[in-house]
Amino acid sequence: TNYTVVVDGVKVPVEVVNRATSYVATAMIGVRKLRNLPAQAN
């Protein structure tokens, strides 16, 4: 089963496997961390 997750208007296909929710959550956290890097650098 494949789900398409929309992140900030960008559709990202996600293959659903065991603990798929954790993978998605990890991806979301990763994106947030990347966005926070410039703020921390300043």
N, C-alpha and C. Protein backbone atom coordinates (compact mmCIF):
# COMPACT_ATOMS: atom_id res chain seq x y z
N THR A 1 0.84 -1.20 0.00
CA THR A 1 0.00 0.00 0.00
C THR A 1 0.87 1.25 0.00
N ASN A 2 0.57 2.15 -0.89
CA ASN A 2 1.33 3.40 -0.95
C ASN A 2 0.44 4.57 -0.60
N TYR A 3 0.94 5.46 0.21
CA TYR A 3 0.21 6.68 0.54
C TYR A 3 0.99 7.86 0.00
N THR A 4 0.27 8.93 -0.34
CA THR A 4 0.96 10.14 -0.76
C THR A 4 0.79 11.17 0.34
N VAL A 5 1.90 11.57 0.93
CA VAL A 5 1.85 12.54 2.01
C VAL A 5 2.21 13.91 1.47
N VAL A 6 1.36 14.89 1.75
CA VAL A 6 1.64 16.24 1.26
C VAL A 6 2.37 17.02 2.34
N VAL A 7 3.60 17.42 2.03
CA VAL A 7 4.39 18.20 2.97
C VAL A 7 4.65 19.56 2.37
N ASP A 8 4.06 20.58 2.95
CA ASP A 8 4.22 21.95 2.45
C ASP A 8 3.87 22.04 0.98
N GLY A 9 2.78 21.39 0.59
CA GLY A 9 2.31 21.50 -0.79
C GLY A 9 3.05 20.58 -1.75
N VAL A 10 4.02 19.82 -1.24
CA VAL A 10 4.76 18.91 -2.11
C VAL A 10 4.35 17.49 -1.78
N LYS A 11 3.87 16.78 -2.81
CA LYS A 11 3.42 15.41 -2.58
C LYS A 11 4.61 14.47 -2.51
N VAL A 12 4.70 13.73 -1.41
CA VAL A 12 5.80 12.79 -1.24
C VAL A 12 5.23 11.39 -1.08
N PRO A 13 5.50 10.52 -2.06
CA PRO A 13 5.00 9.15 -1.96
C PRO A 13 5.70 8.40 -0.84
N VAL A 14 4.91 7.74 0.00
CA VAL A 14 5.49 7.01 1.12
C VAL A 14 5.00 5.58 1.09
N GLU A 15 5.92 4.65 0.99
CA GLU A 15 5.54 3.24 1.02
C GLU A 15 5.28 2.87 2.46
N VAL A 16 4.10 2.33 2.69
CA VAL A 16 3.72 2.01 4.06
C VAL A 16 4.31 0.67 4.47
N VAL A 17 5.12 0.72 5.52
CA VAL A 17 5.71 -0.50 6.06
C VAL A 17 5.46 -0.47 7.55
N ASN A 18 6.03 -1.41 8.28
CA ASN A 18 5.87 -1.40 9.73
C ASN A 18 6.42 -0.11 10.29
N ARG A 19 5.71 0.47 11.22
CA ARG A 19 6.14 1.71 11.88
C ARG A 19 6.24 2.85 10.89
N ALA A 20 5.42 2.83 9.84
CA ALA A 20 5.46 3.88 8.83
C ALA A 20 5.21 5.24 9.46
N THR A 21 4.36 5.26 10.47
CA THR A 21 4.05 6.53 11.12
C THR A 21 5.29 7.13 11.75
N SER A 22 6.14 6.29 12.33
CA SER A 22 7.36 6.81 12.94
C SER A 22 8.29 7.38 11.88
N TYR A 23 8.34 6.71 10.71
CA TYR A 23 9.20 7.19 9.63
C TYR A 23 8.73 8.56 9.17
N VAL A 24 7.41 8.71 9.01
CA VAL A 24 6.86 9.99 8.57
C VAL A 24 7.14 11.06 9.61
N ALA A 25 6.95 10.71 10.88
CA ALA A 25 7.20 11.66 11.96
C ALA A 25 8.68 12.07 11.96
N THR A 26 9.55 11.09 11.75
CA THR A 26 10.99 11.37 11.72
C THR A 26 11.31 12.31 10.57
N ALA A 27 10.68 12.08 9.42
CA ALA A 27 10.91 12.93 8.25
C ALA A 27 10.46 14.35 8.54
N MET A 28 9.29 14.49 9.19
CA MET A 28 8.76 15.81 9.51
C MET A 28 9.69 16.53 10.47
N ILE A 29 10.20 15.80 11.46
CA ILE A 29 11.12 16.40 12.44
C ILE A 29 12.40 16.83 11.73
N GLY A 30 12.86 15.99 10.80
CA GLY A 30 14.07 16.31 10.05
C GLY A 30 13.91 17.60 9.27
N VAL A 31 12.74 17.77 8.64
CA VAL A 31 12.47 18.99 7.87
C VAL A 31 12.48 20.19 8.80
N ARG A 32 11.86 20.05 9.95
CA ARG A 32 11.81 21.16 10.90
C ARG A 32 13.21 21.53 11.39
N LYS A 33 14.03 20.51 11.63
CA LYS A 33 15.40 20.77 12.09
C LYS A 33 16.18 21.52 11.02
N LEU A 34 16.01 21.11 9.75
CA LEU A 34 16.71 21.78 8.67
C LEU A 34 16.30 23.24 8.58
N ARG A 35 15.02 23.50 8.81
CA ARG A 35 14.53 24.88 8.73
C ARG A 35 15.04 25.71 9.90
N ASN A 36 15.31 25.06 11.00
CA ASN A 36 15.76 25.78 12.19
C ASN A 36 17.26 26.07 12.16
N LEU A 37 17.99 25.37 11.30
CA LEU A 37 19.44 25.55 11.24
C LEU A 37 19.84 27.00 10.96
N PRO A 38 19.25 27.66 9.95
CA PRO A 38 19.64 29.05 9.67
C PRO A 38 19.39 29.95 10.88
N ALA A 39 18.30 29.74 11.58
CA ALA A 39 17.96 30.56 12.74
C ALA A 39 19.00 30.36 13.84
N GLN A 40 19.45 29.11 14.01
CA GLN A 40 20.44 28.82 15.04
C GLN A 40 21.80 29.39 14.64
N ALA A 41 22.08 29.39 13.34
CA ALA A 41 23.37 29.90 12.86
C ALA A 41 23.47 31.39 13.15
N ASN A 42 22.33 32.07 13.06
CA ASN A 42 22.33 33.50 13.33
C ASN A 42 22.33 33.73 14.83
